[in-house]
Amino acid sequence: MKFITIIGARPQFVKASSLSREIKKDKNIEEIIIHTGQHYDNIMSDIFWKELEIPQPKYNLCINNLPHGAMVGRMLEKIEEILKIEKPDIVIVYGDTNSTLAGSLAASKLHIPIAHIEAGLRSFNNLMPEEINRKLTDHISDYCFCPTNYSVDNLRREGISENKLFQVGDIMYDVFLNFKDLSKKNNLSELNPYCLVTLHREENTNDFNKLYDLFICLKKLSDVFNYSFIFPIHPRLEIFLKKNNFDFFKFKNILFTKPFSYLDMIGLEMNSKIILTDSGGVQKEAFWSMVPCLTLREETEWNELVDIGVNKIVGLDTKKIFIEFKYFLENYFMPFNQKIYGDGNTSKKILDILKL
C-alpha cells in the first residue's frame, strides 16, 4: 500500500509523528509526506522533523503567507499534480488547516480515499477559518477518525454515514505519552512560580487594544499573585505588535520568547501553574500535564474539558480571566485522572483500520 500524508503546520507535525512511527513497522506500506510549507519559520517547522523523528518530506511546496483563498488554491493545484504522479491508495490529512482542506479536496477530485485524523471537532463558530476547513474535510472523507465521543456525535448529527465513523482516541495523546519523559527542563522551566501563555488565532491577534488589555491583565495577575508569565510569541503576532510600536520592556513580569520546540514546550507545560491559551492542542496538553487551563476564546472544540471543570472559557475578557485565574489557584484538586482521550494506542488503531 502507498499512503500520502499531507501536513503543513506545527500541530500536524506532532500528530503525524505518531502514525509515521507506526507505519515504519510495516514493510508493506510506503508513506510519502507532502509538506505544504504553511509553517515556514524554522522553529515552527524544521526543528520538528528532527526532534520528533518524522520522515523527511518527499515534496515541500513552500506555499505560505498568502490570503486563505489563494493559499488553498495554490496548494490544491500542486497537491493534485503530485497525487496524479504518485497514485496513492489513501491520502491522510490532519486537523483543520488550509493544508487539510487543500489535501482532501485534491484527493476527492481524483477519487482517492481520504482519512481525516481528528475528525468531528466543532467550535460552532463559522467565522473561524478552521471551522469551515474541518467541516468540509469531514464531509468528503472516507475515514473520519474521531478523538472523542463528542466528535462522533457531531458527525452523526450532520448525517455522516456510520460506516465512516471511528472513535479511536486522540493521536496527540500517543505523542505526549511517548515524549513526556524526554521533555526538556530548560532554564525557563526552573522559574518558580510561572504560568504559560500562548496566543495565535486570527481573532485574537488582529486587535491591538484587546491585546494590550490582556497584557495589562497579566501584569495585574503577576502583581497580585506573584506569578511570572512565559509567553512564546508566534511570528505573526510578533510582527503585528512591532508594527503597533508595542513596548515589550514595559511588561517586566512577562517573558516574551521565541516559539519552543515540542519537547521544550511539553516541559514548560508540565511545570506551569496555570496555562492560558487559544490553542486546541495546548488545552489538551494542559490536561495531560495536570495543569488547569484558561481558554482565551469564546468557545472550544474540547468541551469535555470544560464539562469536568479543568478548563474555563474566558476569551479576552480581563475580568473573567482574573476571576477564573484566582479560582484555579484556590482549587487544587481537579479530575485530571480521567481517560477521555483514549489509551495511547490511537495510531495503531488507525493503521489497523486503514489496512483492512
Protein backbone atom coordinates (compact mmCIF):
# COMPACT_ATOMS: atom_id res chain seq x y z
CA MET A 1 0.00 0.00 0.00
CA LYS A 2 1.01 3.59 -0.54
CA PHE A 3 -0.09 6.38 1.80
CA ILE A 4 0.37 10.07 1.16
CA THR A 5 0.39 12.23 4.28
CA ILE A 6 -0.28 15.94 3.83
CA ILE A 7 0.83 18.32 6.56
CA GLY A 8 1.83 21.95 6.78
CA ALA A 9 1.51 23.32 10.33
CA ARG A 10 3.17 22.64 13.65
CA PRO A 11 0.31 20.67 15.31
CA GLN A 12 0.16 18.40 12.26
CA PHE A 13 3.87 17.60 12.55
CA VAL A 14 3.25 16.43 16.12
CA LYS A 15 0.24 14.28 15.19
CA ALA A 16 1.87 12.79 12.08
CA SER A 17 4.95 11.71 14.02
CA SER A 18 2.98 9.06 15.89
CA LEU A 19 1.31 7.46 12.87
CA SER A 20 4.51 7.63 10.82
CA ARG A 21 6.30 5.77 13.61
CA GLU A 22 3.66 3.04 13.43
CA ILE A 23 3.76 2.87 9.62
CA LYS A 24 7.53 2.32 9.68
CA LYS A 25 6.94 -1.01 11.40
CA ASP A 26 5.05 -2.36 8.37
CA LYS A 27 7.26 -3.12 5.37
CA ASN A 28 4.21 -3.44 3.13
CA ILE A 29 3.32 0.23 3.46
CA GLU A 30 5.10 3.14 1.82
CA GLU A 31 4.46 6.59 3.26
CA ILE A 32 5.14 9.72 1.24
CA ILE A 33 4.93 13.07 3.01
CA ILE A 34 3.89 16.30 1.34
CA HIS A 35 4.78 19.41 3.35
CA THR A 36 2.78 22.35 2.04
CA GLY A 37 5.07 24.84 3.74
CA GLN A 38 2.21 26.56 5.58
CA HIS A 39 4.51 27.00 8.60
CA TYR A 40 7.77 28.19 7.10
CA ASP A 41 9.66 29.61 10.10
CA ASN A 42 12.48 27.23 11.14
CA ILE A 43 11.41 26.99 14.78
CA MET A 44 7.84 26.41 13.65
CA SER A 45 8.76 23.71 11.17
CA ASP A 46 12.24 22.28 10.53
CA ILE A 47 13.13 21.58 14.15
CA PHE A 48 10.08 19.36 14.50
CA TRP A 49 11.28 16.95 11.80
CA LYS A 50 14.46 16.31 13.77
CA GLU A 51 13.03 16.26 17.27
CA LEU A 52 10.01 14.07 16.53
CA GLU A 53 11.91 11.88 14.04
CA ILE A 54 9.41 12.44 11.26
CA PRO A 55 10.47 11.11 7.83
CA GLN A 56 11.69 13.91 5.60
CA PRO A 57 9.01 15.07 3.15
CA LYS A 58 9.45 13.98 -0.43
CA TYR A 59 7.72 17.17 -1.53
CA ASN A 60 7.92 20.64 0.01
CA LEU A 61 5.56 23.06 -1.70
CA CYS A 62 6.73 26.22 0.14
CA ILE A 63 3.25 27.78 -0.04
CA ASN A 64 2.69 30.31 2.73
CA ASN A 65 1.99 33.91 3.66
CA LEU A 66 -1.00 34.19 1.29
CA PRO A 67 -4.69 35.01 1.85
CA HIS A 68 -6.79 31.94 2.66
CA GLY A 69 -8.32 31.53 -0.80
CA ALA A 70 -5.05 31.97 -2.65
CA MET A 71 -3.25 29.61 -0.29
CA VAL A 72 -5.81 26.82 -0.59
CA GLY A 73 -5.99 27.26 -4.38
CA ARG A 74 -2.23 27.10 -4.83
CA MET A 75 -1.95 24.06 -2.55
CA LEU A 76 -4.83 22.30 -4.31
CA GLU A 77 -3.17 22.72 -7.69
CA LYS A 78 0.24 21.44 -6.54
CA ILE A 79 -1.10 18.55 -4.47
CA GLU A 80 -3.27 17.37 -7.36
CA GLU A 81 -0.21 17.21 -9.61
CA ILE A 82 1.64 15.07 -7.07
CA LEU A 83 -1.29 12.72 -6.49
CA LYS A 84 -1.55 12.06 -10.22
CA ILE A 85 2.13 11.09 -10.26
CA GLU A 86 2.24 9.03 -7.05
CA LYS A 87 -1.20 7.35 -7.31
CA PRO A 88 -1.60 6.60 -3.58
CA ASP A 89 -4.12 4.20 -2.11
CA ILE A 90 -5.08 6.61 0.66
CA VAL A 91 -4.49 10.29 1.44
CA ILE A 92 -4.11 11.16 5.13
CA VAL A 93 -4.87 14.66 6.43
CA TYR A 94 -4.84 16.06 9.96
CA GLY A 95 -6.82 18.67 11.82
CA ASP A 96 -8.27 21.82 10.32
CA THR A 97 -5.71 23.93 8.46
CA ASN A 98 -5.68 25.17 4.88
CA SER A 99 -3.33 22.26 4.14
CA THR A 100 -6.01 19.87 5.43
CA LEU A 101 -8.70 21.30 3.19
CA ALA A 102 -6.49 21.52 0.09
CA GLY A 103 -5.28 17.94 0.51
CA SER A 104 -8.73 16.50 1.00
CA LEU A 105 -10.19 18.43 -1.94
CA ALA A 106 -7.39 17.30 -4.24
CA ALA A 107 -7.88 13.67 -3.23
CA SER A 108 -11.66 13.82 -3.58
CA LYS A 109 -11.44 15.17 -7.14
CA LEU A 110 -9.24 12.20 -8.06
CA HIS A 111 -11.46 9.70 -6.19
CA ILE A 112 -8.69 8.74 -3.76
CA PRO A 113 -9.93 7.65 -0.30
CA ILE A 114 -9.36 10.27 2.39
CA ALA A 115 -8.51 9.58 6.03
CA HIS A 116 -9.18 12.58 8.27
CA ILE A 117 -7.46 12.31 11.63
CA GLU A 118 -9.02 14.45 14.36
CA ALA A 119 -12.40 14.48 12.66
CA GLY A 120 -15.67 15.73 14.09
CA LEU A 121 -14.42 18.69 16.12
CA ARG A 122 -16.76 21.66 16.17
CA SER A 123 -16.48 25.11 17.71
CA PHE A 124 -19.83 26.08 16.10
CA ASN A 125 -18.22 29.37 15.12
CA ASN A 126 -18.30 29.68 11.33
CA LEU A 127 -16.23 32.86 11.47
CA MET A 128 -13.22 30.68 12.23
CA PRO A 129 -11.44 29.51 9.04
CA GLU A 130 -10.60 26.29 10.88
CA GLU A 131 -14.30 25.50 11.41
CA ILE A 132 -15.00 25.68 7.67
CA ASN A 133 -11.91 23.60 6.88
CA ARG A 134 -12.82 20.81 9.27
CA LYS A 135 -16.48 20.68 8.24
CA LEU A 136 -15.72 20.40 4.53
CA THR A 137 -12.98 17.84 5.13
CA ASP A 138 -15.20 15.64 7.29
CA HIS A 139 -17.96 15.54 4.70
CA ILE A 140 -15.72 14.37 1.87
CA SER A 141 -13.64 11.92 3.92
CA ASP A 142 -13.97 8.15 3.73
CA TYR A 143 -12.47 7.59 7.18
CA CYS A 144 -13.37 10.01 9.97
CA PHE A 145 -11.06 9.18 12.86
CA CYS A 146 -12.65 10.88 15.86
CA PRO A 147 -10.81 11.58 19.12
CA THR A 148 -13.82 11.76 21.47
CA ASN A 149 -17.46 10.78 21.86
CA TYR A 150 -18.34 14.44 21.37
CA SER A 151 -16.77 14.43 17.90
CA VAL A 152 -18.57 11.23 16.87
CA ASP A 153 -21.90 12.70 17.97
CA ASN A 154 -21.22 15.88 15.98
CA LEU A 155 -20.78 13.90 12.77
CA ARG A 156 -23.84 11.75 13.43
CA ARG A 157 -25.94 14.90 13.77
CA GLU A 158 -24.57 16.11 10.43
CA GLY A 159 -25.69 12.90 8.73
CA ILE A 160 -22.31 11.32 8.02
CA SER A 161 -22.61 7.57 7.44
CA GLU A 162 -21.97 5.37 10.45
CA ASN A 163 -19.53 3.19 8.49
CA LYS A 164 -17.21 6.19 8.10
CA LEU A 165 -17.02 6.96 11.83
CA PHE A 166 -14.26 5.56 14.04
CA GLN A 167 -13.75 6.62 17.66
CA VAL A 168 -10.06 5.84 18.11
CA GLY A 169 -8.93 8.31 20.77
CA ASP A 170 -6.63 11.29 20.38
CA ILE A 171 -3.43 10.77 18.43
CA MET A 172 -1.78 13.66 20.28
CA TYR A 173 -2.10 11.64 23.48
CA ASP A 174 0.07 8.95 21.89
CA VAL A 175 2.74 11.57 21.20
CA PHE A 176 2.50 13.12 24.66
CA LEU A 177 2.94 9.75 26.37
CA ASN A 178 5.87 8.89 24.11
CA PHE A 179 7.78 12.12 24.72
CA LYS A 180 6.76 13.44 28.15
CA ASP A 181 9.65 11.73 29.95
CA LEU A 182 12.08 13.20 27.39
CA SER A 183 10.69 16.72 27.68
CA LYS A 184 13.39 19.19 28.49
CA LYS A 185 13.60 21.09 31.75
CA ASN A 186 15.46 24.12 30.47
CA ASN A 187 16.32 27.24 32.45
CA LEU A 188 12.83 28.65 31.91
CA SER A 189 11.24 25.55 33.43
CA GLU A 190 13.09 26.31 36.65
CA LEU A 191 11.40 29.69 37.08
CA ASN A 192 9.22 29.44 40.15
CA PRO A 193 6.37 30.00 40.04
CA TYR A 194 5.24 30.77 36.48
CA CYS A 195 2.28 30.47 34.14
CA LEU A 196 2.41 29.81 30.40
CA VAL A 197 0.59 31.88 27.76
CA THR A 198 0.14 31.15 24.04
CA LEU A 199 -1.87 33.14 21.50
CA HIS A 200 -2.01 32.69 17.74
CA ARG A 201 -5.56 32.69 16.33
CA GLU A 202 -6.55 35.46 13.94
CA GLU A 203 -9.49 36.65 16.01
CA ASN A 204 -7.12 37.25 18.94
CA THR A 205 -4.14 38.71 17.16
CA ASN A 206 -5.60 41.45 14.97
CA ASP A 207 -6.89 43.91 17.60
CA PHE A 208 -4.07 45.79 19.32
CA ASN A 209 -6.28 47.33 22.01
CA LYS A 210 -7.58 43.93 23.13
CA LEU A 211 -4.07 42.53 23.18
CA TYR A 212 -2.82 45.46 25.20
CA ASP A 213 -5.63 44.98 27.73
CA LEU A 214 -4.61 41.31 28.02
CA PHE A 215 -1.01 42.27 28.80
CA ILE A 216 -2.22 44.75 31.41
CA CYS A 217 -4.31 41.94 32.93
CA LEU A 218 -1.31 39.61 33.05
CA LYS A 219 0.72 42.33 34.75
CA LYS A 220 -2.01 42.76 37.37
CA LEU A 221 -2.18 39.00 37.96
CA SER A 222 1.57 38.95 38.39
CA ASP A 223 1.49 41.82 40.89
CA VAL A 224 -1.38 40.34 42.92
CA PHE A 225 -0.43 36.64 42.93
CA ASN A 226 3.34 36.88 42.44
CA TYR A 227 3.48 34.76 39.29
CA SER A 228 5.58 35.47 36.22
CA PHE A 229 4.35 34.66 32.72
CA ILE A 230 6.22 32.94 29.90
CA PHE A 231 4.86 33.96 26.52
CA PRO A 232 6.35 32.18 23.46
CA ILE A 233 5.28 34.59 20.77
CA HIS A 234 4.03 33.45 17.39
CA PRO A 235 6.00 35.07 14.50
CA ARG A 236 2.85 36.66 13.06
CA LEU A 237 1.90 38.16 16.43
CA GLU A 238 5.41 39.50 16.97
CA ILE A 239 5.28 41.31 13.63
CA PHE A 240 1.85 42.73 14.46
CA LEU A 241 2.95 44.06 17.85
CA LYS A 242 6.09 45.64 16.44
CA LYS A 243 4.06 47.37 13.73
CA ASN A 244 1.98 48.91 16.52
CA ASN A 245 5.11 50.02 18.41
CA PHE A 246 4.42 47.73 21.35
CA ASP A 247 6.84 48.25 24.24
CA PHE A 248 7.89 44.73 25.25
CA PHE A 249 10.09 46.03 28.06
CA LYS A 250 7.20 47.73 29.84
CA PHE A 251 5.85 44.35 30.97
CA LYS A 252 8.76 43.05 33.02
CA ASN A 253 6.83 40.12 34.51
CA ILE A 254 6.00 38.76 31.05
CA LEU A 255 8.91 36.94 29.46
CA PHE A 256 8.41 37.12 25.69
CA THR A 257 10.35 34.37 23.92
CA LYS A 258 10.65 32.72 20.53
CA PRO A 259 8.42 29.65 19.92
CA PHE A 260 9.69 26.48 21.57
CA SER A 261 10.36 23.04 20.19
CA TYR A 262 7.83 20.34 21.07
CA LEU A 263 9.91 18.85 23.88
CA ASP A 264 10.67 22.25 25.40
CA MET A 265 7.01 23.19 25.21
CA ILE A 266 5.88 20.00 26.95
CA GLY A 267 8.43 20.63 29.69
CA LEU A 268 7.13 24.17 30.19
CA GLU A 269 3.52 22.98 30.26
CA MET A 270 4.19 20.27 32.83
CA ASN A 271 5.88 22.73 35.18
CA SER A 272 3.42 25.59 34.75
CA LYS A 273 0.94 26.58 37.46
CA ILE A 274 -1.83 27.65 35.06
CA ILE A 275 -1.89 27.72 31.24
CA LEU A 276 -3.65 30.46 29.26
CA THR A 277 -4.08 29.66 25.57
CA ASP A 278 -6.22 29.84 22.44
CA SER A 279 -4.66 26.64 21.08
CA GLY A 280 -6.71 23.46 20.96
CA GLY A 281 -3.65 21.26 21.25
CA VAL A 282 -2.29 23.13 24.25
CA GLN A 283 -5.67 22.79 26.01
CA LYS A 284 -5.32 19.01 25.83
CA GLU A 285 -1.63 19.04 26.75
CA ALA A 286 -2.53 21.10 29.82
CA PHE A 287 -4.97 18.36 30.85
CA TRP A 288 -2.41 15.60 30.30
CA SER A 289 0.13 17.68 32.25
CA MET A 290 -2.44 18.02 35.07
CA VAL A 291 -2.42 21.81 34.80
CA PRO A 292 -5.65 23.89 34.76
CA CYS A 293 -6.29 25.89 31.60
CA LEU A 294 -7.92 29.22 30.78
CA THR A 295 -9.04 29.21 27.14
CA LEU A 296 -8.62 32.63 25.54
CA ARG A 297 -11.51 32.11 23.13
CA GLU A 298 -15.29 32.30 23.24
CA GLU A 299 -15.67 28.58 22.56
CA THR A 300 -13.67 25.37 22.36
CA GLU A 301 -13.74 22.13 20.40
CA TRP A 302 -12.71 20.29 23.57
CA ASN A 303 -15.95 20.66 25.54
CA GLU A 304 -15.28 17.61 27.68
CA LEU A 305 -12.52 19.56 29.46
CA VAL A 306 -14.97 22.34 30.28
CA ASP A 307 -17.54 19.78 31.46
CA ILE A 308 -15.18 18.31 34.07
CA GLY A 309 -14.02 21.74 35.23
CA VAL A 310 -10.32 21.75 34.34
CA ASN A 311 -10.80 24.27 31.50
CA LYS A 312 -12.54 27.65 31.75
CA ILE A 313 -13.66 29.65 28.70
CA VAL A 314 -12.68 33.28 29.27
CA GLY A 315 -11.98 34.80 25.85
CA LEU A 316 -10.03 38.04 26.18
CA ASP A 317 -12.39 39.28 28.89
CA THR A 318 -9.93 40.55 31.50
CA LYS A 319 -12.50 40.36 34.33
CA LYS A 320 -13.22 36.70 33.58
CA ILE A 321 -9.50 35.95 33.28
CA PHE A 322 -8.80 37.45 36.72
CA ILE A 323 -11.75 35.68 38.40
CA GLU A 324 -11.03 32.23 36.92
CA PHE A 325 -7.28 32.54 37.48
CA LYS A 326 -7.99 33.16 41.17
CA TYR A 327 -10.46 30.24 41.18
CA PHE A 328 -7.85 27.81 39.89
CA LEU A 329 -5.30 28.96 42.46
CA GLU A 330 -7.81 28.29 45.24
CA ASN A 331 -8.99 24.88 43.96
CA TYR A 332 -6.14 22.41 43.99
CA PHE A 333 -7.96 19.14 43.42
CA MET A 334 -9.22 18.55 39.90
CA PRO A 335 -10.23 15.42 37.94
CA PHE A 336 -7.14 15.05 35.76
CA ASN A 337 -7.16 11.25 36.06
CA GLN A 338 -9.99 10.68 33.56
CA LYS A 339 -9.17 8.74 30.38
CA ILE A 340 -11.30 10.77 27.99
CA TYR A 341 -8.82 10.74 25.08
CA GLY A 342 -8.18 7.04 24.69
CA ASP A 343 -5.46 4.72 25.91
CA GLY A 344 -2.44 5.98 23.99
CA ASN A 345 -2.78 3.45 21.16
CA THR A 346 -4.63 5.60 18.66
CA SER A 347 -2.01 5.31 15.90
CA LYS A 348 -2.12 1.51 15.93
CA LYS A 349 -5.93 1.53 15.83
CA ILE A 350 -5.93 3.91 12.84
CA LEU A 351 -3.38 1.87 10.93
CA ASP A 352 -5.21 -1.42 11.58
CA ILE A 353 -8.39 0.10 10.13
CA LEU A 354 -6.64 1.54 7.06
CA LYS A 355 -5.05 -1.84 6.29
CA LEU A 356 -8.41 -3.65 6.15
